[in-house]
N, C-alpha and C. Protein backbone atom coordinates (compact mmCIF):
# COMPACT_ATOMS: atom_id res chain seq x y z
N MET A 1 111.85 -51.54 -234.72
CA MET A 1 110.85 -51.35 -235.75
C MET A 1 111.40 -51.79 -237.10
N SER A 2 111.83 -53.03 -237.21
CA SER A 2 112.38 -53.51 -238.47
C SER A 2 111.40 -54.41 -239.21
N ARG A 3 110.24 -54.58 -238.69
CA ARG A 3 109.29 -55.53 -239.24
C ARG A 3 108.55 -55.00 -240.46
N THR A 4 108.38 -55.91 -241.42
CA THR A 4 107.52 -55.66 -242.58
C THR A 4 106.17 -56.29 -242.28
N ILE A 5 105.11 -55.54 -242.50
CA ILE A 5 103.77 -56.06 -242.30
C ILE A 5 103.11 -56.24 -243.65
N ILE A 6 102.53 -57.41 -243.87
CA ILE A 6 101.74 -57.68 -245.08
C ILE A 6 100.28 -57.68 -244.66
N LEU A 7 99.54 -56.71 -245.18
CA LEU A 7 98.10 -56.66 -244.95
C LEU A 7 97.44 -57.35 -246.14
N LEU A 8 96.92 -58.55 -245.89
CA LEU A 8 96.32 -59.37 -246.94
C LEU A 8 94.82 -59.07 -247.02
N PHE A 9 94.40 -58.58 -248.15
CA PHE A 9 92.99 -58.27 -248.39
C PHE A 9 92.46 -59.22 -249.45
N HIS A 10 92.11 -60.44 -249.04
CA HIS A 10 91.55 -61.42 -249.98
C HIS A 10 90.20 -61.87 -249.45
N PRO A 11 89.11 -61.61 -250.19
CA PRO A 11 87.78 -61.93 -249.67
C PRO A 11 87.48 -63.42 -249.56
N ASN A 12 88.27 -64.27 -250.20
CA ASN A 12 88.04 -65.71 -250.11
C ASN A 12 89.39 -66.43 -250.12
N PHE A 13 90.20 -66.11 -249.14
CA PHE A 13 91.56 -66.64 -249.08
C PHE A 13 91.59 -68.17 -249.01
N ALA A 14 90.59 -68.78 -248.38
CA ALA A 14 90.56 -70.24 -248.25
C ALA A 14 90.53 -70.92 -249.62
N ARG A 15 90.00 -70.27 -250.63
CA ARG A 15 89.93 -70.85 -251.97
C ARG A 15 91.04 -70.35 -252.90
N SER A 16 91.88 -69.49 -252.39
CA SER A 16 92.93 -68.91 -253.23
C SER A 16 94.08 -69.88 -253.44
N ARG A 17 94.57 -69.93 -254.65
CA ARG A 17 95.79 -70.67 -254.92
C ARG A 17 96.97 -69.72 -255.06
N ALA A 18 96.78 -68.66 -255.84
CA ALA A 18 97.89 -67.75 -256.12
C ALA A 18 98.30 -66.96 -254.89
N ASN A 19 97.35 -66.28 -254.25
CA ASN A 19 97.70 -65.51 -253.05
C ASN A 19 98.17 -66.42 -251.93
N ALA A 20 97.61 -67.63 -251.86
CA ALA A 20 98.06 -68.59 -250.84
C ALA A 20 99.52 -68.97 -251.08
N ALA A 21 99.90 -69.17 -252.34
CA ALA A 21 101.30 -69.51 -252.65
C ALA A 21 102.23 -68.36 -252.27
N LEU A 22 101.78 -67.14 -252.51
CA LEU A 22 102.61 -65.98 -252.16
C LEU A 22 102.75 -65.86 -250.65
N ILE A 23 101.65 -66.04 -249.93
CA ILE A 23 101.70 -65.94 -248.47
C ILE A 23 102.56 -67.06 -247.88
N GLU A 24 102.43 -68.26 -248.43
CA GLU A 24 103.27 -69.37 -247.94
C GLU A 24 104.75 -69.04 -248.11
N ALA A 25 105.10 -68.45 -249.24
CA ALA A 25 106.50 -68.06 -249.47
C ALA A 25 106.91 -66.95 -248.51
N ALA A 26 106.01 -66.04 -248.23
CA ALA A 26 106.33 -64.92 -247.33
C ALA A 26 106.58 -65.40 -245.90
N TRP A 27 105.90 -66.48 -245.48
CA TRP A 27 106.09 -66.99 -244.12
C TRP A 27 107.54 -67.35 -243.84
N SER A 28 108.27 -67.71 -244.89
CA SER A 28 109.67 -68.11 -244.68
C SER A 28 110.57 -66.92 -244.34
N ASN A 29 110.05 -65.72 -244.51
CA ASN A 29 110.80 -64.52 -244.14
C ASN A 29 110.48 -64.23 -242.67
N LEU A 30 111.45 -64.39 -241.78
CA LEU A 30 111.19 -64.32 -240.35
C LEU A 30 110.81 -62.94 -239.85
N ASP A 31 111.08 -61.91 -240.62
CA ASP A 31 110.79 -60.55 -240.17
C ASP A 31 109.54 -59.99 -240.86
N VAL A 32 108.59 -60.86 -241.17
CA VAL A 32 107.35 -60.45 -241.81
C VAL A 32 106.18 -60.85 -240.93
N GLU A 33 105.29 -59.91 -240.72
CA GLU A 33 104.03 -60.20 -240.03
C GLU A 33 102.93 -60.17 -241.08
N ILE A 34 102.12 -61.21 -241.13
CA ILE A 34 101.04 -61.30 -242.11
C ILE A 34 99.71 -61.20 -241.39
N VAL A 35 98.86 -60.29 -241.86
CA VAL A 35 97.56 -60.07 -241.24
C VAL A 35 96.48 -60.31 -242.29
N ASP A 36 95.63 -61.31 -242.05
CA ASP A 36 94.48 -61.59 -242.91
C ASP A 36 93.37 -60.60 -242.53
N MET A 37 93.23 -59.54 -243.30
CA MET A 37 92.31 -58.47 -242.93
C MET A 37 90.85 -58.91 -242.99
N TYR A 38 90.48 -59.78 -243.92
CA TYR A 38 89.11 -60.29 -243.95
C TYR A 38 88.87 -61.20 -242.75
N GLY A 39 89.88 -61.93 -242.31
CA GLY A 39 89.76 -62.75 -241.11
C GLY A 39 89.62 -61.91 -239.86
N CYS A 40 90.33 -60.79 -239.80
CA CYS A 40 90.26 -59.89 -238.64
C CYS A 40 88.97 -59.08 -238.61
N HIS A 41 88.42 -58.79 -239.77
CA HIS A 41 87.26 -57.90 -239.85
C HIS A 41 86.18 -58.50 -240.75
N PRO A 42 85.61 -59.64 -240.35
CA PRO A 42 84.61 -60.28 -241.21
C PRO A 42 83.35 -59.44 -241.42
N GLY A 43 83.05 -58.57 -240.49
CA GLY A 43 81.87 -57.72 -240.62
C GLY A 43 82.20 -56.35 -241.17
N GLY A 44 83.42 -56.14 -241.61
CA GLY A 44 83.84 -54.84 -242.11
C GLY A 44 84.54 -54.04 -241.03
N LEU A 45 84.95 -52.86 -241.38
CA LEU A 45 85.70 -51.97 -240.48
C LEU A 45 84.82 -50.83 -239.99
N ASP A 46 85.06 -50.43 -238.76
CA ASP A 46 84.36 -49.30 -238.16
C ASP A 46 85.41 -48.32 -237.63
N MET A 47 85.28 -47.04 -237.97
CA MET A 47 86.29 -46.07 -237.57
C MET A 47 86.44 -46.00 -236.05
N ILE A 48 85.34 -46.07 -235.33
CA ILE A 48 85.40 -45.99 -233.86
C ILE A 48 85.98 -47.27 -233.29
N ARG A 49 85.44 -48.40 -233.71
CA ARG A 49 85.82 -49.69 -233.14
C ARG A 49 87.21 -50.14 -233.60
N ASP A 50 87.54 -49.93 -234.87
CA ASP A 50 88.76 -50.51 -235.44
C ASP A 50 89.84 -49.51 -235.84
N GLY A 51 89.47 -48.27 -236.00
CA GLY A 51 90.39 -47.28 -236.54
C GLY A 51 91.68 -47.13 -235.76
N GLU A 52 91.57 -47.01 -234.44
CA GLU A 52 92.78 -46.79 -233.63
C GLU A 52 93.71 -48.00 -233.67
N ALA A 53 93.14 -49.21 -233.52
CA ALA A 53 93.98 -50.41 -233.51
C ALA A 53 94.69 -50.59 -234.85
N GLU A 54 93.98 -50.36 -235.94
CA GLU A 54 94.60 -50.51 -237.26
C GLU A 54 95.64 -49.42 -237.50
N ALA A 55 95.39 -48.21 -237.02
CA ALA A 55 96.39 -47.14 -237.14
C ALA A 55 97.64 -47.50 -236.35
N GLN A 56 97.47 -48.05 -235.15
CA GLN A 56 98.61 -48.46 -234.33
C GLN A 56 99.40 -49.56 -235.03
N ARG A 57 98.69 -50.51 -235.64
CA ARG A 57 99.36 -51.60 -236.36
C ARG A 57 100.22 -51.02 -237.48
N LEU A 58 99.68 -50.07 -238.20
CA LEU A 58 100.40 -49.45 -239.32
C LEU A 58 101.60 -48.65 -238.83
N MET A 59 101.42 -47.91 -237.75
CA MET A 59 102.51 -47.09 -237.22
C MET A 59 103.64 -47.95 -236.65
N ALA A 60 103.32 -49.15 -236.15
CA ALA A 60 104.33 -50.02 -235.55
C ALA A 60 105.22 -50.70 -236.59
N ALA A 61 104.75 -50.77 -237.82
CA ALA A 61 105.51 -51.44 -238.87
C ALA A 61 106.56 -50.51 -239.46
N ALA A 62 107.66 -51.10 -239.89
CA ALA A 62 108.69 -50.32 -240.57
C ALA A 62 108.39 -50.20 -242.06
N ARG A 63 107.78 -51.25 -242.62
CA ARG A 63 107.44 -51.30 -244.04
C ARG A 63 106.07 -51.94 -244.18
N VAL A 64 105.32 -51.52 -245.20
CA VAL A 64 103.95 -51.99 -245.38
C VAL A 64 103.78 -52.58 -246.78
N VAL A 65 103.17 -53.77 -246.83
CA VAL A 65 102.79 -54.40 -248.09
C VAL A 65 101.27 -54.53 -248.09
N LEU A 66 100.64 -54.09 -249.15
CA LEU A 66 99.21 -54.32 -249.37
C LEU A 66 99.10 -55.41 -250.41
N GLN A 67 98.60 -56.59 -250.01
CA GLN A 67 98.49 -57.72 -250.92
C GLN A 67 97.02 -58.01 -251.16
N PHE A 68 96.66 -58.19 -252.44
CA PHE A 68 95.25 -58.42 -252.78
C PHE A 68 95.13 -58.94 -254.21
N PRO A 69 94.00 -59.61 -254.50
CA PRO A 69 93.69 -59.92 -255.89
C PRO A 69 93.02 -58.71 -256.53
N MET A 70 93.40 -58.36 -257.73
CA MET A 70 92.74 -57.28 -258.46
C MET A 70 91.32 -57.75 -258.79
N GLN A 71 90.34 -56.92 -258.46
CA GLN A 71 88.95 -57.28 -258.72
C GLN A 71 88.28 -56.13 -259.46
N TRP A 72 87.81 -56.41 -260.66
CA TRP A 72 87.17 -55.39 -261.47
C TRP A 72 88.02 -54.13 -261.56
N TYR A 73 89.32 -54.35 -261.83
CA TYR A 73 90.27 -53.27 -262.08
C TYR A 73 90.49 -52.38 -260.86
N SER A 74 90.29 -52.94 -259.69
CA SER A 74 90.42 -52.16 -258.47
C SER A 74 90.79 -53.09 -257.32
N THR A 75 90.79 -52.52 -256.13
CA THR A 75 91.08 -53.28 -254.92
C THR A 75 89.81 -53.94 -254.40
N PRO A 76 89.93 -54.99 -253.59
CA PRO A 76 88.75 -55.55 -252.94
C PRO A 76 88.08 -54.51 -252.03
N ALA A 77 86.81 -54.71 -251.78
CA ALA A 77 86.01 -53.73 -251.02
C ALA A 77 86.61 -53.42 -249.65
N LEU A 78 87.12 -54.43 -248.95
CA LEU A 78 87.64 -54.19 -247.60
C LEU A 78 88.89 -53.30 -247.63
N LEU A 79 89.70 -53.38 -248.67
CA LEU A 79 90.86 -52.50 -248.76
C LEU A 79 90.41 -51.05 -248.92
N LYS A 80 89.40 -50.82 -249.73
CA LYS A 80 88.87 -49.45 -249.85
C LYS A 80 88.28 -48.99 -248.53
N SER A 81 87.56 -49.87 -247.84
CA SER A 81 87.00 -49.53 -246.53
C SER A 81 88.11 -49.24 -245.52
N TRP A 82 89.20 -50.02 -245.58
CA TRP A 82 90.35 -49.80 -244.70
C TRP A 82 90.95 -48.42 -244.95
N GLN A 83 91.08 -48.05 -246.23
CA GLN A 83 91.59 -46.72 -246.55
C GLN A 83 90.67 -45.65 -245.95
N ASP A 84 89.36 -45.82 -246.17
CA ASP A 84 88.40 -44.84 -245.66
C ASP A 84 88.43 -44.75 -244.14
N THR A 85 88.58 -45.89 -243.48
CA THR A 85 88.55 -45.93 -242.02
C THR A 85 89.87 -45.51 -241.40
N VAL A 86 90.93 -46.17 -241.79
CA VAL A 86 92.23 -45.99 -241.14
C VAL A 86 92.97 -44.75 -241.66
N LEU A 87 93.05 -44.62 -242.96
CA LEU A 87 93.81 -43.50 -243.50
C LEU A 87 93.10 -42.17 -243.32
N THR A 88 91.77 -42.18 -243.33
CA THR A 88 91.04 -40.94 -243.03
C THR A 88 91.34 -40.51 -241.60
N ARG A 89 91.31 -41.47 -240.69
CA ARG A 89 91.64 -41.17 -239.29
C ARG A 89 93.05 -40.61 -239.19
N MET A 90 94.01 -41.31 -239.81
CA MET A 90 95.41 -40.92 -239.68
C MET A 90 95.71 -39.60 -240.38
N GLY A 91 95.13 -39.40 -241.55
CA GLY A 91 95.47 -38.23 -242.35
C GLY A 91 94.67 -36.99 -242.08
N TYR A 92 93.45 -37.17 -241.55
CA TYR A 92 92.59 -36.00 -241.38
C TYR A 92 92.14 -35.75 -239.95
N ILE A 93 92.04 -36.79 -239.15
CA ILE A 93 91.63 -36.61 -237.75
C ILE A 93 92.85 -36.42 -236.85
N HIS A 94 93.91 -37.21 -237.11
CA HIS A 94 95.15 -37.13 -236.30
C HIS A 94 96.37 -36.97 -237.21
N PRO A 95 96.41 -35.95 -238.05
CA PRO A 95 97.52 -35.84 -239.01
C PRO A 95 98.88 -35.59 -238.37
N ALA A 96 98.93 -34.83 -237.32
CA ALA A 96 100.23 -34.47 -236.71
C ALA A 96 100.86 -35.64 -235.97
N THR A 97 100.05 -36.56 -235.48
CA THR A 97 100.60 -37.68 -234.73
C THR A 97 100.58 -38.96 -235.57
N GLU A 98 99.41 -39.41 -235.96
CA GLU A 98 99.31 -40.67 -236.70
C GLU A 98 99.72 -40.52 -238.16
N GLY A 99 99.20 -39.53 -238.83
CA GLY A 99 99.53 -39.34 -240.25
C GLY A 99 101.00 -39.11 -240.46
N ALA A 100 101.60 -38.30 -239.62
CA ALA A 100 103.03 -38.00 -239.74
C ALA A 100 103.89 -39.24 -239.52
N ALA A 101 103.36 -40.23 -238.80
CA ALA A 101 104.13 -41.46 -238.52
C ALA A 101 104.35 -42.30 -239.78
N LEU A 102 103.59 -42.04 -240.83
CA LEU A 102 103.76 -42.79 -242.08
C LEU A 102 104.83 -42.19 -242.99
N GLU A 103 105.25 -40.99 -242.70
CA GLU A 103 106.22 -40.30 -243.56
C GLU A 103 107.50 -41.12 -243.71
N GLY A 104 107.88 -41.34 -244.96
CA GLY A 104 109.11 -42.07 -245.25
C GLY A 104 108.98 -43.58 -245.18
N LYS A 105 107.85 -44.10 -244.73
CA LYS A 105 107.65 -45.55 -244.63
C LYS A 105 107.51 -46.15 -246.03
N PRO A 106 108.25 -47.18 -246.35
CA PRO A 106 108.11 -47.82 -247.66
C PRO A 106 106.78 -48.56 -247.78
N LEU A 107 106.16 -48.45 -248.95
CA LEU A 107 104.91 -49.14 -249.26
C LEU A 107 105.08 -49.90 -250.56
N MET A 108 104.71 -51.18 -250.52
CA MET A 108 104.73 -52.02 -251.71
C MET A 108 103.35 -52.64 -251.89
N VAL A 109 102.90 -52.74 -253.11
CA VAL A 109 101.67 -53.43 -253.45
C VAL A 109 102.04 -54.76 -254.07
N ALA A 110 101.36 -55.82 -253.66
CA ALA A 110 101.50 -57.14 -254.28
C ALA A 110 100.10 -57.54 -254.73
N THR A 111 99.92 -57.67 -256.03
CA THR A 111 98.57 -57.98 -256.52
C THR A 111 98.61 -59.07 -257.58
N THR A 112 97.52 -59.80 -257.63
CA THR A 112 97.36 -60.87 -258.61
C THR A 112 96.23 -60.49 -259.56
N MET A 113 96.40 -60.85 -260.82
CA MET A 113 95.38 -60.63 -261.83
C MET A 113 95.10 -61.94 -262.54
N GLY A 114 93.86 -62.17 -262.91
CA GLY A 114 93.52 -63.41 -263.60
C GLY A 114 93.93 -63.43 -265.06
N ALA A 115 94.02 -62.28 -265.67
CA ALA A 115 94.29 -62.20 -267.10
C ALA A 115 95.79 -62.16 -267.40
N GLU A 116 96.09 -62.34 -268.67
CA GLU A 116 97.46 -62.26 -269.17
C GLU A 116 97.98 -60.82 -269.09
N GLU A 117 99.28 -60.68 -268.98
CA GLU A 117 99.89 -59.35 -268.94
C GLU A 117 99.55 -58.53 -270.18
N GLU A 118 99.48 -59.18 -271.34
CA GLU A 118 99.22 -58.48 -272.60
C GLU A 118 97.87 -57.76 -272.60
N THR A 119 96.93 -58.22 -271.79
CA THR A 119 95.61 -57.57 -271.76
C THR A 119 95.65 -56.25 -271.02
N TYR A 120 96.69 -56.03 -270.21
CA TYR A 120 96.83 -54.80 -269.44
C TYR A 120 97.79 -53.85 -270.16
N ARG A 121 97.41 -53.46 -271.34
CA ARG A 121 98.14 -52.49 -272.15
C ARG A 121 97.12 -51.58 -272.81
N PRO A 122 97.52 -50.38 -273.20
CA PRO A 122 96.55 -49.49 -273.86
C PRO A 122 95.88 -50.14 -275.07
N GLU A 123 96.62 -50.97 -275.80
CA GLU A 123 96.05 -51.63 -276.97
C GLU A 123 95.48 -53.01 -276.63
N GLY A 124 95.59 -53.44 -275.37
CA GLY A 124 95.08 -54.74 -274.95
C GLY A 124 93.59 -54.71 -274.65
N ARG A 125 93.06 -55.87 -274.32
CA ARG A 125 91.63 -56.01 -274.05
C ARG A 125 91.15 -55.07 -272.94
N ASN A 126 91.98 -54.85 -271.92
CA ASN A 126 91.57 -53.99 -270.81
C ASN A 126 91.83 -52.51 -271.07
N GLY A 127 92.69 -52.20 -272.02
CA GLY A 127 92.93 -50.82 -272.43
C GLY A 127 93.63 -49.95 -271.40
N ILE A 128 94.23 -50.57 -270.39
CA ILE A 128 94.88 -49.82 -269.32
C ILE A 128 95.99 -50.68 -268.73
N THR A 129 97.02 -50.05 -268.19
CA THR A 129 98.11 -50.80 -267.57
C THR A 129 97.84 -50.96 -266.07
N VAL A 130 98.47 -51.96 -265.48
CA VAL A 130 98.32 -52.15 -264.03
C VAL A 130 98.89 -50.96 -263.26
N PRO A 131 100.04 -50.39 -263.63
CA PRO A 131 100.47 -49.18 -262.91
C PRO A 131 99.42 -48.06 -262.94
N GLU A 132 98.70 -47.94 -264.05
CA GLU A 132 97.62 -46.94 -264.09
C GLU A 132 96.50 -47.31 -263.12
N LEU A 133 96.18 -48.60 -263.03
CA LEU A 133 95.15 -49.04 -262.08
C LEU A 133 95.58 -48.82 -260.64
N LEU A 134 96.88 -48.90 -260.38
CA LEU A 134 97.40 -48.71 -259.03
C LEU A 134 97.64 -47.25 -258.68
N ALA A 135 97.38 -46.34 -259.60
CA ALA A 135 97.63 -44.92 -259.37
C ALA A 135 96.97 -44.38 -258.11
N PRO A 136 95.73 -44.76 -257.77
CA PRO A 136 95.15 -44.25 -256.52
C PRO A 136 95.95 -44.66 -255.27
N LEU A 137 96.49 -45.88 -255.26
CA LEU A 137 97.30 -46.31 -254.12
C LEU A 137 98.63 -45.55 -254.09
N ARG A 138 99.21 -45.35 -255.26
CA ARG A 138 100.46 -44.58 -255.34
C ARG A 138 100.22 -43.14 -254.87
N THR A 139 99.11 -42.56 -255.29
CA THR A 139 98.78 -41.19 -254.88
C THR A 139 98.55 -41.12 -253.37
N THR A 140 97.93 -42.14 -252.81
CA THR A 140 97.73 -42.19 -251.36
C THR A 140 99.07 -42.25 -250.65
N ALA A 141 99.99 -43.09 -251.16
CA ALA A 141 101.33 -43.15 -250.56
C ALA A 141 102.01 -41.79 -250.62
N LEU A 142 101.90 -41.12 -251.75
CA LEU A 142 102.51 -39.79 -251.89
C LEU A 142 101.86 -38.79 -250.94
N ARG A 143 100.55 -38.89 -250.75
CA ARG A 143 99.83 -37.99 -249.84
C ARG A 143 100.40 -38.06 -248.43
N PHE A 144 100.80 -39.27 -248.02
CA PHE A 144 101.37 -39.48 -246.69
C PHE A 144 102.90 -39.40 -246.69
N ALA A 145 103.49 -39.02 -247.81
CA ALA A 145 104.95 -38.93 -247.96
C ALA A 145 105.63 -40.28 -247.70
N MET A 146 104.92 -41.36 -248.05
CA MET A 146 105.51 -42.69 -247.96
C MET A 146 106.39 -42.92 -249.19
N THR A 147 107.25 -43.92 -249.12
CA THR A 147 108.11 -44.26 -250.24
C THR A 147 107.42 -45.35 -251.06
N TRP A 148 106.99 -45.02 -252.27
CA TRP A 148 106.33 -45.97 -253.15
C TRP A 148 107.39 -46.88 -253.76
N CYS A 149 107.24 -48.18 -253.58
CA CYS A 149 108.21 -49.15 -254.09
C CYS A 149 107.60 -49.93 -255.25
N GLU A 150 108.45 -50.56 -256.01
CA GLU A 150 108.02 -51.33 -257.18
C GLU A 150 107.00 -52.39 -256.77
N PRO A 151 105.82 -52.42 -257.40
CA PRO A 151 104.82 -53.43 -257.05
C PRO A 151 105.25 -54.83 -257.50
N PHE A 152 104.73 -55.83 -256.79
CA PHE A 152 104.89 -57.22 -257.21
C PHE A 152 103.61 -57.61 -257.93
N LEU A 153 103.73 -57.99 -259.20
CA LEU A 153 102.55 -58.28 -260.02
C LEU A 153 102.60 -59.73 -260.49
N LEU A 154 101.48 -60.42 -260.32
CA LEU A 154 101.37 -61.80 -260.81
C LEU A 154 100.16 -61.89 -261.73
N TYR A 155 100.44 -62.03 -263.01
CA TYR A 155 99.39 -62.16 -264.02
C TYR A 155 99.01 -63.62 -264.18
N ARG A 156 97.87 -63.86 -264.81
CA ARG A 156 97.39 -65.21 -265.11
C ARG A 156 97.34 -66.07 -263.85
N ALA A 157 96.95 -65.46 -262.76
CA ALA A 157 96.99 -66.13 -261.45
C ALA A 157 96.02 -67.30 -261.37
N ASN A 158 94.94 -67.26 -262.11
CA ASN A 158 93.90 -68.28 -261.98
C ASN A 158 94.24 -69.61 -262.63
N ASP A 159 95.15 -69.62 -263.58
CA ASP A 159 95.40 -70.87 -264.29
C ASP A 159 96.87 -71.29 -264.29
N ARG A 160 97.59 -70.89 -263.29
CA ARG A 160 98.99 -71.31 -263.18
C ARG A 160 99.08 -72.69 -262.54
N SER A 161 100.07 -73.44 -262.96
CA SER A 161 100.32 -74.75 -262.37
C SER A 161 100.92 -74.58 -260.97
N ASP A 162 100.93 -75.66 -260.21
CA ASP A 162 101.54 -75.62 -258.88
C ASP A 162 103.01 -75.21 -258.98
N ALA A 163 103.72 -75.72 -259.99
CA ALA A 163 105.14 -75.37 -260.16
C ALA A 163 105.29 -73.89 -260.48
N GLU A 164 104.41 -73.35 -261.31
CA GLU A 164 104.48 -71.92 -261.64
C GLU A 164 104.17 -71.07 -260.41
N LEU A 165 103.22 -71.52 -259.59
CA LEU A 165 102.91 -70.77 -258.37
C LEU A 165 104.06 -70.84 -257.37
N ALA A 166 104.72 -71.99 -257.29
CA ALA A 166 105.89 -72.10 -256.41
C ALA A 166 107.00 -71.15 -256.88
N ALA A 167 107.19 -71.07 -258.19
CA ALA A 167 108.20 -70.14 -258.73
C ALA A 167 107.80 -68.69 -258.45
N ALA A 168 106.51 -68.40 -258.56
CA ALA A 168 106.03 -67.05 -258.24
C ALA A 168 106.27 -66.75 -256.76
N GLY A 169 106.06 -67.76 -255.91
CA GLY A 169 106.34 -67.59 -254.49
C GLY A 169 107.80 -67.29 -254.23
N ASP A 170 108.68 -67.96 -254.96
CA ASP A 170 110.12 -67.68 -254.84
C ASP A 170 110.44 -66.24 -255.24
N ARG A 171 109.83 -65.78 -256.33
CA ARG A 171 110.05 -64.40 -256.77
C ARG A 171 109.51 -63.41 -255.73
N TYR A 172 108.38 -63.75 -255.13
CA TYR A 172 107.80 -62.88 -254.10
C TYR A 172 108.71 -62.81 -252.88
N ARG A 173 109.23 -63.97 -252.46
CA ARG A 173 110.15 -64.00 -251.32
C ARG A 173 111.37 -63.13 -251.60
N GLU A 174 111.90 -63.21 -252.82
CA GLU A 174 113.04 -62.36 -253.20
C GLU A 174 112.65 -60.89 -253.19
N ALA A 175 111.46 -60.58 -253.70
CA ALA A 175 111.00 -59.18 -253.70
C ALA A 175 110.85 -58.66 -252.28
N LEU A 176 110.33 -59.51 -251.39
CA LEU A 176 110.19 -59.10 -249.98
C LEU A 176 111.56 -58.92 -249.34
N GLY A 177 112.51 -59.77 -249.71
CA GLY A 177 113.87 -59.62 -249.18
C GLY A 177 114.48 -58.30 -249.61
N SER A 178 114.29 -57.93 -250.87
CA SER A 178 114.79 -56.63 -251.34
C SER A 178 114.04 -55.50 -250.66
N PHE A 179 112.73 -55.66 -250.51
CA PHE A 179 111.91 -54.64 -249.86
C PHE A 179 112.34 -54.44 -248.41
N ALA A 180 112.74 -55.52 -247.74
CA ALA A 180 113.19 -55.42 -246.35
C ALA A 180 114.45 -54.57 -246.23
N GLY A 181 115.18 -54.44 -247.33
CA GLY A 181 116.38 -53.61 -247.32
C GLY A 181 116.10 -52.13 -247.50
N VAL A 182 114.84 -51.79 -247.80
CA VAL A 182 114.46 -50.38 -247.96
C VAL A 182 114.21 -49.81 -246.57
N SER A 183 114.99 -48.84 -246.19
CA SER A 183 114.86 -48.25 -244.85
C SER A 183 113.79 -47.18 -244.85
N SER A 184 113.04 -47.15 -243.76
CA SER A 184 112.10 -46.05 -243.58
C SER A 184 112.89 -44.85 -243.08
N ALA A 185 112.32 -43.69 -243.22
CA ALA A 185 112.99 -42.47 -242.76
C ALA A 185 113.27 -42.54 -241.27
N ARG A 186 112.37 -43.16 -240.53
CA ARG A 186 112.54 -43.25 -239.07
C ARG A 186 113.67 -44.20 -238.69
N GLU A 187 113.84 -45.30 -239.47
CA GLU A 187 114.94 -46.21 -239.19
C GLU A 187 116.28 -45.56 -239.49
N ALA A 188 116.32 -44.76 -240.55
CA ALA A 188 117.57 -44.11 -240.95
C ALA A 188 117.99 -43.02 -239.97
N ALA A 189 117.02 -42.45 -239.27
CA ALA A 189 117.32 -41.33 -238.36
C ALA A 189 118.00 -41.79 -237.09
């Protein structure tokens, strides 16, 4: 169970440049499994149909990355649906078996924003920081006793040059390499 799983929640990945550059860089890490969640669930998620399989996928991973473009200061709709479907099942329907399996598992968020970093400050145009926007995901990780790790943040994602995106991909690969060194409680035991 040494694998890192990247759950990619991008509603239009085929047109993405920034998330595509990050995923391309992640492919070079041999111990990473990448799952295009919109590709797997084009009609959305159903707790009966999809809940168990997605819970099993999560339990099988040693480390979890949630990758997505920030949309309207939040996660894409499918990520929220995934939380409602999978985490509700794990945390409230099967807490002793499935929910407990997440304890100590490292969680990292990788997100892209279209705006400049300066806009994500209390005095900036958005009036809020990205860590504040990610607070619900951090709280969810804490609810499951997961290990919250430093997020990977890419600002100005919409207007970066190919060279800048390649450099961002290199930084992401390095971040994933460091993240792979974070042991889950189950690996350490």
